Amino acid sequence: MTKYIFITGGVLSSLGKGVASASIAALLKARGYSVRMRKMDPYLNVDPGAMSPFQHGEVYVTDDGTEADLDLGHYERFTDIKCYKTDTVTSGRIYWDVLTRERAGGYAGRNVQLVPDVSGEVKAFMISDMRGEDFVLFELGGTIGDDEQFIFIEGIRDFTNHVGRENTMFVHLSYVPYLRHVCEVKTKPTQQAVRQMLARGLSPDLILCRCEERLPRATKEKLAMFCDIEPEDVISAPDVASVYEIPLVYHSEGLDERILEHFGIKDAPKPDLHKWKLVVDSKPTRSVTIAMVVKYCGLPDAYKSVIEAVKHAGIANNVEPVIKWINAEEIEASGIGGLIGADAIIVPGGFGARGIEGKISAVKYARENNVPYLGICLGMQMAAIEAARNLLGISDANSTEFTKECTPIIHYMGEFEKDGHVELRHEGDDIGGTLRLGAFPTILTPNSVAARVYGATEISERHRHRYEMDISFAAALAEKGVVISGVSPDGKLPEVLEIPAHKFFVAGQFHPEFKSRPFAPHPLFDALLKAAIS
């Protein structure tokens, strides 16, 4: 029977529940078990798609077109298992579904209540789209004690009774601070967090303790005594240099053994952690500087998957990538001085007109100075606009996203093909409904730079955008050495732009960062770093 593990957080946010959950799943997978990961977010937004990156960080996109919390990125990177629409839900989505059903008469006129109706919708989410996995892990967003968690806590409590306590486990991630002025580790915050958890009808079976260094045995025994668990179920989660060390740290602390013992699983296969050791033990022989030209400056989480994809390529090439953050608006104000000396340039995705001219200037600098360049989504559109302006002489070349008074190199595309049928989008639709979302195929020109990098002429990448390049400019650009080397299967939508004569200049309308893994870097990032090294 499937075993269910619930991961909660205590004391404060940003402790790393997503990475902790992904690490537990990675250890179970390393033992040969099938694993599924799901995220429950308490906020009232229906999904994070319309939330500002300053509020929420990156919006992660799955193959099936789900806009999700960035923790799903951790899940996929650590386990190399795809997540789906059915693997993420918010309070807003739960309430939306309940109220939609009520308006349609689905409750036969009776009172609709938080318990059992709304909490029942949470239970329905938990069991939806199950595929016979050995373990399903549920991460509950927020911090124990948050009012917004109520419906999820009730749903979890009731679900536990439904499937049997012997088939469930509660892992609580909490903070154990070290007070330097008294040279002492303090357990009281975790004790209080566990009491809040108990007051809501849940009891932790294992506590992950976020701390600066591994906890001494005496501290574990003290926590165990006050939290009613065994000392072996108090696991240190110390600070580490790389998040990819965490599965190995947890294993050395006996976490996966304790999980198997909790469920009464005996004679489990030994974990194969070889690839994790290779990742952690890789030693860079030199460094390269990657200029990241961004508009959400000061917020690395807005580009989480891009950062990780750069790191993955660094691991594969034994090089330390040093990311230099360049505010696109500063380029507009002060020029391209910050780009000088960079070994490569990345212009990642984004929405809105702010900082656009700075990004275009960065593309121009990369093209004219033979600096390796990777454009992602908006970064491809900027490359097309820059080439139209400076190579084709179209001075007012722009995107209709930013201005209607222009020659539209980039414009809104309301019709495109998906899975063999035509999808229609209208600019007046809900903001999320106007996007081209999820995995789409791309046909690459044989022997193009992109085809050589991928080692294929047909690829699939994830998209999240609502504006497209006008393919009618392709022929004129090709005469100037800027080639559209990838298109949609129907040939209508440009997907990849490259400059074959350049050291490395490739831009895609998609987001390759979502498919990069620590032990399998994405080909485009790998090629970019190889060019930077050279």
Protein backbone atom coordinates (compact mmCIF):
# COMPACT_ATOMS: atom_id res chain seq x y z
CA MET A 1 0.00 0.00 0.00
CA THR A 2 1.16 3.53 -0.73
CA LYS A 3 2.87 5.34 2.15
CA TYR A 4 2.25 9.04 2.72
CA ILE A 5 4.78 11.50 4.16
CA PHE A 6 3.73 15.02 5.17
CA ILE A 7 6.41 17.71 5.53
CA THR A 8 5.53 20.76 7.63
CA GLY A 9 7.55 23.76 8.82
CA GLY A 10 7.85 25.48 12.15
CA VAL A 11 9.18 28.65 13.84
CA LEU A 12 9.74 30.69 10.67
CA SER A 13 9.58 30.52 6.89
CA SER A 14 12.39 30.09 4.34
CA LEU A 15 13.94 27.15 6.15
CA GLY A 16 13.99 25.12 2.95
CA LYS A 17 11.04 22.73 3.16
CA GLY A 18 11.10 22.32 -0.61
CA VAL A 19 14.72 21.21 -0.69
CA ALA A 20 14.19 19.03 2.38
CA SER A 21 11.18 17.35 0.78
CA ALA A 22 13.08 16.83 -2.48
CA SER A 23 16.04 15.37 -0.60
CA ILE A 24 13.85 12.84 1.22
CA ALA A 25 12.30 11.84 -2.10
CA ALA A 26 15.75 11.53 -3.68
CA LEU A 27 16.88 9.14 -0.92
CA LEU A 28 13.80 6.97 -1.31
CA LYS A 29 14.23 6.91 -5.08
CA ALA A 30 17.90 6.00 -4.63
CA ARG A 31 16.68 2.87 -2.83
CA GLY A 32 14.58 1.92 -5.84
CA TYR A 33 11.16 3.09 -4.63
CA SER A 34 8.70 4.98 -6.84
CA VAL A 35 7.99 8.46 -5.53
CA ARG A 36 5.45 11.24 -6.12
CA MET A 37 5.76 14.78 -4.75
CA ARG A 38 3.01 17.32 -4.13
CA LYS A 39 2.78 20.87 -2.84
CA MET A 40 -0.06 22.47 -0.88
CA ASP A 41 0.16 26.26 -0.66
CA PRO A 42 -2.04 28.19 1.79
CA TYR A 43 -2.26 31.50 -0.11
CA LEU A 44 -5.57 32.49 -1.70
CA ASN A 45 -4.23 33.01 -5.22
CA VAL A 46 -5.55 30.30 -7.52
CA ASP A 47 -1.96 29.71 -8.68
CA PRO A 48 1.29 31.72 -8.60
CA GLY A 49 1.10 32.64 -12.29
CA ALA A 50 -0.10 36.21 -11.75
CA MET A 51 2.02 36.85 -8.64
CA SER A 52 4.96 39.24 -8.75
CA PRO A 53 8.40 37.61 -8.59
CA PHE A 54 9.18 40.06 -5.80
CA GLN A 55 6.39 38.39 -3.80
CA HIS A 56 6.82 34.78 -4.77
CA GLY A 57 10.04 34.25 -6.70
CA GLU A 58 10.11 32.17 -9.85
CA VAL A 59 7.00 30.66 -11.40
CA TYR A 60 7.91 27.09 -12.30
CA VAL A 61 6.25 25.48 -15.34
CA THR A 62 5.60 21.77 -15.80
CA ASP A 63 5.31 19.84 -19.06
CA ASP A 64 1.53 19.89 -18.87
CA GLY A 65 1.44 23.68 -18.61
CA THR A 66 0.97 24.15 -14.88
CA GLU A 67 2.23 27.39 -13.34
CA ALA A 68 3.55 26.28 -9.97
CA ASP A 69 5.56 27.19 -6.91
CA LEU A 70 9.34 27.09 -7.38
CA ASP A 71 9.52 24.12 -4.99
CA LEU A 72 8.29 21.91 -7.84
CA GLY A 73 11.56 22.82 -9.50
CA HIS A 74 13.42 21.33 -6.53
CA TYR A 75 11.27 18.21 -6.76
CA GLU A 76 12.06 17.65 -10.43
CA ARG A 77 15.75 18.53 -10.17
CA PHE A 78 16.40 16.22 -7.21
CA THR A 79 14.34 13.25 -8.39
CA ASP A 80 14.24 13.67 -12.19
CA ILE A 81 10.54 12.78 -11.92
CA LYS A 82 7.98 14.93 -13.73
CA CYS A 83 5.40 16.87 -11.76
CA TYR A 84 1.89 17.46 -13.07
CA LYS A 85 -1.08 19.76 -12.63
CA THR A 86 -2.43 17.34 -10.04
CA ASP A 87 0.71 17.79 -7.90
CA THR A 88 0.06 21.34 -6.76
CA VAL A 89 -2.86 23.18 -5.19
CA THR A 90 -3.53 26.41 -3.31
CA SER A 91 -6.19 27.45 -0.83
CA GLY A 92 -7.53 29.69 -3.57
CA ARG A 93 -7.90 26.75 -5.93
CA ILE A 94 -9.65 24.69 -3.24
CA TYR A 95 -12.14 27.47 -2.44
CA TRP A 96 -12.64 28.17 -6.15
CA ASP A 97 -13.59 24.55 -6.83
CA VAL A 98 -15.92 24.37 -3.82
CA LEU A 99 -17.73 27.59 -4.70
CA THR A 100 -17.96 26.66 -8.38
CA ARG A 101 -19.57 23.37 -7.38
CA GLU A 102 -21.95 25.18 -5.00
CA ARG A 103 -23.05 27.61 -7.74
CA ALA A 104 -23.77 24.63 -9.99
CA GLY A 105 -25.97 23.03 -7.33
CA GLY A 106 -23.45 20.36 -6.48
CA TYR A 107 -24.26 20.40 -2.75
CA ALA A 108 -28.03 19.93 -3.23
CA GLY A 109 -28.87 23.15 -1.43
CA ARG A 110 -27.33 22.28 1.94
CA ASN A 111 -24.93 24.39 3.98
CA VAL A 112 -21.37 24.39 2.62
CA GLN A 113 -18.87 24.31 5.48
CA LEU A 114 -15.10 24.39 6.00
CA VAL A 115 -15.36 20.91 7.52
CA PRO A 116 -16.17 18.57 5.88
CA ASP A 117 -16.70 20.25 2.49
CA VAL A 118 -13.59 22.39 2.03
CA SER A 119 -11.35 19.97 3.94
CA GLY A 120 -12.91 17.19 1.87
CA GLU A 121 -11.74 18.97 -1.29
CA VAL A 122 -8.22 18.85 0.17
CA LYS A 123 -8.59 15.09 0.68
CA ALA A 124 -9.80 14.73 -2.91
CA PHE A 125 -6.65 16.51 -4.09
CA MET A 126 -4.46 14.13 -2.10
CA ILE A 127 -5.81 11.01 -3.77
CA SER A 128 -6.30 12.43 -7.28
CA ASP A 129 -4.34 11.03 -10.22
CA MET A 130 -2.58 8.39 -8.12
CA ARG A 131 -0.47 5.92 -10.08
CA GLY A 132 0.40 3.28 -7.51
CA GLU A 133 3.53 5.01 -6.19
CA ASP A 134 5.34 3.52 -3.20
CA PHE A 135 5.64 6.90 -1.48
CA VAL A 136 3.77 10.17 -1.91
CA LEU A 137 5.27 13.24 -0.22
CA PHE A 138 3.14 16.28 0.57
CA GLU A 139 4.83 19.56 1.43
CA LEU A 140 2.61 22.01 3.29
CA GLY A 141 3.60 25.60 2.58
CA GLY A 142 3.77 28.23 5.30
CA THR A 143 4.52 27.78 8.98
CA ILE A 144 2.60 25.81 11.59
CA GLY A 145 0.31 28.28 13.33
CA ASP A 146 -0.62 30.22 10.18
CA ASP A 147 -4.40 30.69 9.96
CA GLU A 148 -4.29 30.05 6.20
CA GLN A 149 -3.18 26.46 6.80
CA PHE A 150 -6.39 25.48 8.58
CA ILE A 151 -8.18 23.71 5.72
CA PHE A 152 -5.07 21.74 4.82
CA ILE A 153 -4.42 20.72 8.42
CA GLU A 154 -8.00 19.49 8.71
CA GLY A 155 -7.77 17.68 5.39
CA ILE A 156 -4.51 16.00 6.41
CA ARG A 157 -5.86 15.00 9.81
CA ASP A 158 -8.96 13.44 8.29
CA PHE A 159 -6.94 11.81 5.50
CA THR A 160 -4.66 10.19 8.07
CA ASN A 161 -7.66 8.61 9.76
CA HIS A 162 -8.91 7.43 6.38
CA VAL A 163 -5.74 5.64 5.22
CA GLY A 164 -4.53 4.57 8.68
CA ARG A 165 -1.89 6.10 10.90
CA GLU A 166 0.44 3.21 10.07
CA ASN A 167 0.55 4.40 6.46
CA THR A 168 1.38 8.03 7.23
CA MET A 169 4.38 9.88 8.61
CA PHE A 170 4.83 13.48 9.70
CA VAL A 171 8.21 15.14 9.17
CA HIS A 172 8.52 18.55 10.78
CA LEU A 173 11.26 20.96 9.67
CA SER A 174 12.06 23.41 12.44
CA TYR A 175 14.67 25.98 13.38
CA VAL A 176 17.21 25.37 16.14
CA PRO A 177 19.20 28.60 16.58
CA TYR A 178 22.66 28.94 18.03
CA LEU A 179 23.04 32.00 20.28
CA ARG A 180 26.64 33.10 19.99
CA HIS A 181 26.63 35.43 22.97
CA VAL A 182 25.90 32.49 25.28
CA CYS A 183 27.46 29.79 23.06
CA GLU A 184 24.34 27.67 23.30
CA VAL A 185 21.91 25.86 21.01
CA LYS A 186 18.30 26.72 21.88
CA THR A 187 15.55 24.14 21.50
CA LYS A 188 12.61 26.16 22.83
CA PRO A 189 11.42 27.49 19.42
CA THR A 190 11.10 23.94 18.12
CA GLN A 191 9.33 22.80 21.30
CA GLN A 192 6.79 25.60 20.86
CA ALA A 193 6.32 24.78 17.16
CA VAL A 194 5.62 21.13 17.98
CA ARG A 195 3.08 22.19 20.61
CA GLN A 196 1.29 24.27 17.99
CA MET A 197 1.28 21.23 15.73
CA LEU A 198 -0.16 19.04 18.50
CA ALA A 199 -2.87 21.61 19.18
CA ARG A 200 -4.01 21.13 15.59
CA GLY A 201 -4.26 17.38 15.89
CA LEU A 202 -0.96 16.43 14.22
CA SER A 203 2.06 14.83 15.85
CA PRO A 204 5.56 14.75 14.33
CA ASP A 205 7.23 11.39 13.86
CA LEU A 206 10.56 12.90 12.88
CA ILE A 207 12.02 16.38 13.30
CA LEU A 208 14.48 17.91 10.85
CA CYS A 209 16.46 20.57 12.70
CA ARG A 210 17.75 23.46 10.61
CA CYS A 211 20.92 24.57 12.35
CA GLU A 212 24.35 25.99 11.65
CA GLU A 213 26.14 22.76 12.51
CA ARG A 214 25.11 19.21 13.39
CA LEU A 215 23.41 18.94 16.74
CA PRO A 216 25.18 17.18 19.61
CA ARG A 217 23.61 14.03 21.04
CA ALA A 218 22.54 15.85 24.22
CA THR A 219 20.52 18.40 22.22
CA LYS A 220 18.82 15.64 20.26
CA GLU A 221 17.90 13.84 23.47
CA LYS A 222 16.45 17.03 24.95
CA LEU A 223 14.32 17.68 21.86
CA ALA A 224 13.20 14.06 21.76
CA MET A 225 12.09 14.20 25.39
CA PHE A 226 10.00 17.34 24.97
CA CYS A 227 8.59 16.36 21.56
CA ASP A 228 7.74 12.75 22.45
CA ILE A 229 9.92 11.05 19.83
CA GLU A 230 13.13 8.98 19.90
CA PRO A 231 16.53 10.73 19.77
CA GLU A 232 17.22 8.89 16.49
CA ASP A 233 14.21 10.71 15.04
CA VAL A 234 15.84 14.08 15.61
CA ILE A 235 17.83 14.72 12.43
CA SER A 236 20.36 17.49 11.96
CA ALA A 237 19.88 19.63 8.86
CA PRO A 238 22.97 21.85 9.04
CA ASP A 239 24.06 24.62 6.71
CA VAL A 240 25.95 23.26 3.69
CA ALA A 241 27.87 24.80 0.80
CA SER A 242 25.55 23.29 -1.82
CA VAL A 243 21.95 22.10 -1.62
CA TYR A 244 23.06 18.97 -3.46
CA GLU A 245 24.93 17.88 -0.33
CA ILE A 246 21.67 17.62 1.60
CA PRO A 247 20.62 14.09 0.54
CA LEU A 248 24.05 12.82 1.60
CA VAL A 249 23.87 14.68 4.93
CA TYR A 250 20.40 13.31 5.64
CA HIS A 251 21.55 9.79 4.79
CA SER A 252 24.55 10.09 7.10
CA GLU A 253 22.12 11.15 9.85
CA GLY A 254 20.05 8.00 9.24
CA LEU A 255 16.94 9.77 7.96
CA ASP A 256 16.01 7.28 5.25
CA GLU A 257 16.56 4.36 7.64
CA ARG A 258 14.23 5.93 10.20
CA ILE A 259 11.53 6.44 7.55
CA LEU A 260 11.69 2.80 6.52
CA GLU A 261 11.63 1.66 10.16
CA HIS A 262 8.60 3.86 10.83
CA PHE A 263 6.68 2.11 8.06
CA GLY A 264 7.92 -1.31 9.10
CA ILE A 265 9.79 -1.85 5.84
CA LYS A 266 12.53 -4.43 6.30
CA ASP A 267 15.31 -5.63 3.99
CA ALA A 268 15.08 -2.46 1.92
CA PRO A 269 17.63 -2.06 -0.89
CA LYS A 270 20.74 -0.05 -0.07
CA PRO A 271 20.65 3.43 -1.60
CA ASP A 272 22.65 4.12 -4.74
CA LEU A 273 24.07 7.56 -4.01
CA HIS A 274 26.91 7.40 -6.52
CA LYS A 275 25.69 10.26 -8.71
CA TRP A 276 25.12 12.49 -5.70
CA LYS A 277 28.68 11.89 -4.52
CA LEU A 278 29.98 12.76 -7.99
CA VAL A 279 28.06 16.04 -7.93
CA VAL A 280 29.26 16.98 -4.45
CA ASP A 281 32.85 15.86 -5.00
CA SER A 282 33.31 17.75 -8.28
CA LYS A 283 36.12 20.29 -7.92
CA PRO A 284 36.22 23.36 -10.18
CA THR A 285 39.60 24.01 -11.78
CA ARG A 286 38.81 27.61 -12.73
CA SER A 287 35.99 30.14 -12.68
CA VAL A 288 34.04 31.99 -15.36
CA THR A 289 31.93 35.10 -14.99
CA ILE A 290 28.36 34.93 -16.27
CA ALA A 291 26.62 38.30 -16.59
CA MET A 292 22.91 37.87 -15.85
CA VAL A 293 21.03 40.87 -17.22
CA VAL A 294 17.81 41.04 -15.19
CA LYS A 295 14.89 43.25 -14.26
CA TYR A 296 14.04 41.65 -10.90
CA CYS A 297 17.36 42.66 -9.40
CA GLY A 298 18.17 41.71 -5.81
CA LEU A 299 15.85 38.71 -5.94
CA PRO A 300 17.75 35.54 -6.99
CA ASP A 301 14.67 33.36 -6.35
CA ALA A 302 13.04 35.02 -9.38
CA TYR A 303 15.65 33.19 -11.49
CA LYS A 304 16.05 30.07 -9.36
CA SER A 305 15.99 27.51 -12.16
CA VAL A 306 18.36 29.57 -14.33
CA ILE A 307 20.84 29.80 -11.45
CA GLU A 308 20.65 26.06 -10.83
CA ALA A 309 21.03 25.29 -14.55
CA VAL A 310 24.21 27.40 -14.64
CA LYS A 311 25.50 25.49 -11.60
CA HIS A 312 24.70 22.15 -13.25
CA ALA A 313 26.74 23.12 -16.30
CA GLY A 314 29.53 24.25 -14.01
CA ILE A 315 29.59 20.87 -12.26
CA ALA A 316 29.76 19.05 -15.60
CA ASN A 317 32.65 21.22 -16.82
CA ASN A 318 34.61 21.40 -13.55
CA VAL A 319 34.27 25.17 -13.51
CA GLU A 320 32.86 27.57 -10.93
CA PRO A 321 30.36 29.91 -12.59
CA VAL A 322 30.34 33.30 -10.87
CA ILE A 323 27.06 35.04 -11.62
CA LYS A 324 27.37 38.81 -11.95
CA TRP A 325 23.95 40.41 -11.56
CA ILE A 326 23.39 43.31 -13.94
CA ASN A 327 20.32 45.48 -13.51
CA ALA A 328 18.97 46.18 -17.00
CA GLU A 329 17.81 49.63 -15.87
CA GLU A 330 21.37 50.49 -14.80
CA ILE A 331 22.54 49.72 -18.34
CA GLU A 332 19.95 52.20 -19.58
CA ALA A 333 21.21 54.82 -17.13
CA SER A 334 24.96 54.22 -17.17
CA GLY A 335 25.85 52.13 -20.22
CA ILE A 336 27.27 48.64 -20.72
CA GLY A 337 30.35 49.02 -18.51
CA GLY A 338 29.18 46.30 -16.15
CA LEU A 339 29.25 43.76 -18.98
CA ILE A 340 32.89 44.30 -19.86
CA GLY A 341 34.99 41.32 -18.84
CA ALA A 342 32.10 38.87 -18.62
CA ASP A 343 32.86 35.45 -20.13
CA ALA A 344 29.21 34.97 -21.15
CA ILE A 345 25.89 36.80 -20.99
CA ILE A 346 22.42 35.49 -20.21
CA VAL A 347 19.23 37.48 -20.72
CA PRO A 348 16.48 35.47 -18.98
CA GLY A 349 12.69 35.73 -19.18
CA GLY A 350 10.42 38.41 -17.80
CA PHE A 351 7.32 40.49 -18.45
CA GLY A 352 6.70 44.21 -18.94
CA ALA A 353 8.57 47.14 -20.47
CA ARG A 354 10.83 48.03 -17.54
CA GLY A 355 14.51 47.55 -18.37
CA ILE A 356 13.89 46.44 -21.95
CA GLU A 357 16.27 48.91 -23.60
CA GLY A 358 19.01 47.81 -21.22
CA LYS A 359 18.49 44.19 -22.23
CA ILE A 360 18.64 45.13 -25.92
CA SER A 361 21.92 46.97 -25.28
CA ALA A 362 23.30 43.85 -23.60
CA VAL A 363 22.38 41.75 -26.65
CA LYS A 364 24.08 44.25 -28.93
CA TYR A 365 27.23 44.14 -26.81
CA ALA A 366 27.30 40.32 -26.89
CA ARG A 367 26.72 40.18 -30.66
CA GLU A 368 29.28 42.83 -31.58
CA ASN A 369 31.99 41.63 -29.19
CA ASN A 370 31.64 37.88 -29.81
CA VAL A 371 30.71 37.23 -26.17
CA PRO A 372 28.84 33.91 -25.69
CA TYR A 373 25.14 34.66 -25.34
CA LEU A 374 22.10 32.68 -24.24
CA GLY A 375 18.68 34.29 -24.56
CA ILE A 376 15.74 32.76 -22.73
CA CYS A 377 12.15 33.60 -23.75
CA LEU A 378 12.24 37.41 -23.46
CA GLY A 379 15.96 37.08 -24.17
CA MET A 380 15.17 35.71 -27.63
CA GLN A 381 12.70 38.50 -28.32
CA MET A 382 15.34 41.06 -27.34
CA ALA A 383 17.80 39.43 -29.73
CA ALA A 384 15.27 39.65 -32.57
CA ILE A 385 14.49 43.30 -31.86
CA GLU A 386 18.19 44.20 -31.57
CA ALA A 387 19.00 42.54 -34.91
CA ALA A 388 16.04 44.23 -36.61
CA ARG A 389 17.11 47.64 -35.36
CA ASN A 390 20.86 47.42 -35.90
CA LEU A 391 21.20 45.00 -38.83
CA LEU A 392 18.00 45.62 -40.80
CA GLY A 393 17.84 49.33 -40.00
CA ILE A 394 14.28 49.22 -38.61
CA SER A 395 14.73 51.93 -35.98
CA ASP A 396 11.28 51.52 -34.43
CA ALA A 397 11.44 47.71 -34.22
CA ASN A 398 9.85 46.61 -30.96
CA SER A 399 7.25 44.40 -29.29
CA THR A 400 3.59 45.30 -29.00
CA GLU A 401 3.89 44.22 -25.37
CA PHE A 402 5.79 47.46 -24.76
CA THR A 403 4.33 49.87 -27.30
CA LYS A 404 1.75 49.86 -30.07
CA GLU A 405 3.65 52.60 -31.93
CA CYS A 406 6.30 50.41 -33.56
CA THR A 407 7.19 48.03 -36.32
CA PRO A 408 6.12 44.86 -34.51
CA ILE A 409 8.91 42.31 -34.63
CA ILE A 410 7.24 40.72 -31.61
CA HIS A 411 3.47 40.67 -31.31
CA TYR A 412 0.62 38.89 -29.61
CA MET A 413 -0.12 35.51 -31.18
CA GLY A 414 -3.65 34.36 -30.43
CA GLU A 415 -3.55 31.15 -32.43
CA PHE A 416 -1.08 28.28 -32.27
CA GLU A 417 -0.99 24.52 -32.54
CA LYS A 418 -0.82 22.23 -29.52
CA ASP A 419 -1.02 18.44 -29.54
CA GLY A 420 -2.43 18.39 -33.05
CA HIS A 421 -5.19 20.95 -32.62
CA VAL A 422 -5.42 24.73 -32.75
CA GLU A 423 -5.37 26.68 -29.48
CA LEU A 424 -6.98 30.13 -29.41
CA ARG A 425 -6.05 32.95 -27.04
CA HIS A 426 -7.65 36.38 -26.72
CA GLU A 427 -5.97 39.43 -25.21
CA GLY A 428 -9.04 40.05 -23.05
CA ASP A 429 -8.85 36.59 -21.42
CA ASP A 430 -7.77 36.10 -17.81
CA ILE A 431 -4.09 36.98 -17.50
CA GLY A 432 -2.99 33.35 -17.17
CA GLY A 433 -5.28 32.27 -19.99
CA THR A 434 -3.38 34.30 -22.59
CA LEU A 435 -0.10 32.43 -22.18
CA ARG A 436 1.42 29.67 -24.26
CA LEU A 437 2.20 27.29 -21.43
CA GLY A 438 3.90 23.95 -21.07
CA ALA A 439 5.89 21.65 -23.35
CA PHE A 440 5.81 22.26 -27.10
CA PRO A 441 7.88 20.56 -29.82
CA THR A 442 10.46 22.44 -31.88
CA ILE A 443 11.90 21.37 -35.23
CA LEU A 444 15.58 22.30 -35.55
CA THR A 445 17.38 22.92 -38.83
CA PRO A 446 19.82 20.04 -39.49
CA ASN A 447 23.44 20.92 -38.78
CA SER A 448 22.47 24.21 -37.14
CA VAL A 449 24.24 25.27 -33.94
CA ALA A 450 21.16 24.33 -31.94
CA ALA A 451 20.85 20.91 -33.61
CA ARG A 452 24.50 20.15 -32.88
CA VAL A 453 24.14 21.26 -29.26
CA TYR A 454 21.03 19.12 -28.70
CA GLY A 455 22.23 16.24 -30.86
CA ALA A 456 18.73 16.13 -32.37
CA THR A 457 16.49 17.86 -34.89
CA GLU A 458 13.30 17.60 -32.85
CA ILE A 459 13.15 18.71 -29.23
CA SER A 460 10.52 19.53 -26.63
CA GLU A 461 10.85 22.49 -24.27
CA ARG A 462 8.58 24.31 -21.82
CA HIS A 463 7.09 27.69 -22.64
CA ARG A 464 5.60 30.57 -20.65
CA HIS A 465 4.91 33.64 -22.77
CA ARG A 466 2.16 35.40 -24.68
CA TYR A 467 4.09 37.26 -27.41
CA GLU A 468 5.83 35.70 -30.41
CA MET A 469 8.39 36.74 -33.00
CA ASP A 470 6.99 37.48 -36.46
CA ILE A 471 8.47 34.85 -38.79
CA SER A 472 8.11 37.14 -41.81
CA PHE A 473 11.40 38.81 -40.79
CA ALA A 474 13.32 35.51 -40.91
CA ALA A 475 14.58 35.79 -44.49
CA ALA A 476 15.88 39.36 -44.08
CA LEU A 477 17.65 38.46 -40.84
CA ALA A 478 19.21 35.37 -42.41
CA GLU A 479 20.86 37.59 -45.03
CA LYS A 480 22.54 39.40 -42.14
CA GLY A 481 23.71 36.16 -40.50
CA VAL A 482 20.96 35.88 -37.88
CA VAL A 483 19.20 32.58 -38.48
CA ILE A 484 15.89 31.17 -37.27
CA SER A 485 17.08 27.58 -36.71
CA GLY A 486 14.08 26.26 -34.81
CA VAL A 487 10.37 26.56 -35.54
CA SER A 488 7.07 25.09 -34.37
CA PRO A 489 5.97 21.96 -36.29
CA ASP A 490 3.57 24.01 -38.44
CA GLY A 491 6.42 26.39 -39.32
CA LYS A 492 4.57 29.48 -38.08
CA LEU A 493 6.35 30.27 -34.81
CA PRO A 494 10.10 30.95 -34.48
CA GLU A 495 11.49 28.99 -31.54
CA VAL A 496 15.29 29.31 -31.84
CA LEU A 497 17.42 32.20 -33.11
CA GLU A 498 21.17 31.83 -33.59
CA ILE A 499 24.21 33.43 -35.18
CA PRO A 500 26.30 30.60 -36.68
CA ALA A 501 29.40 32.80 -37.18
CA HIS A 502 29.42 33.85 -33.51
CA LYS A 503 31.42 32.02 -30.83
CA PHE A 504 28.07 31.04 -29.28
CA PHE A 505 24.87 33.00 -29.78
CA VAL A 506 21.67 31.02 -29.27
CA ALA A 507 18.30 32.22 -28.01
CA GLY A 508 15.12 30.21 -27.48
CA GLN A 509 11.51 31.26 -27.04
CA PHE A 510 11.27 28.56 -24.37
CA HIS A 511 12.70 28.02 -20.86
CA PRO A 512 15.44 25.38 -21.04
CA GLU A 513 16.33 25.91 -17.38
CA PHE A 514 13.29 23.91 -16.25
CA LYS A 515 14.73 20.68 -17.65
CA SER A 516 18.28 20.94 -16.30
CA ARG A 517 19.42 18.48 -13.63
CA PRO A 518 22.49 18.43 -11.32
CA PHE A 519 23.65 15.17 -12.89
CA ALA A 520 22.43 16.00 -16.43
CA PRO A 521 22.94 19.68 -17.33
CA HIS A 522 20.79 21.15 -20.07
CA PRO A 523 22.64 21.14 -23.43
CA LEU A 524 22.25 24.90 -23.98
CA PHE A 525 23.73 25.82 -20.60
CA ASP A 526 26.47 23.25 -21.05
CA ALA A 527 27.35 24.71 -24.46
CA LEU A 528 27.27 28.26 -23.08
CA LEU A 529 29.78 27.42 -20.35
CA LYS A 530 32.01 25.53 -22.76
CA ALA A 531 32.07 28.65 -24.95
CA ALA A 532 32.75 30.82 -21.89
CA ILE A 533 35.67 28.59 -20.87
CA SER A 534 37.16 28.77 -24.35
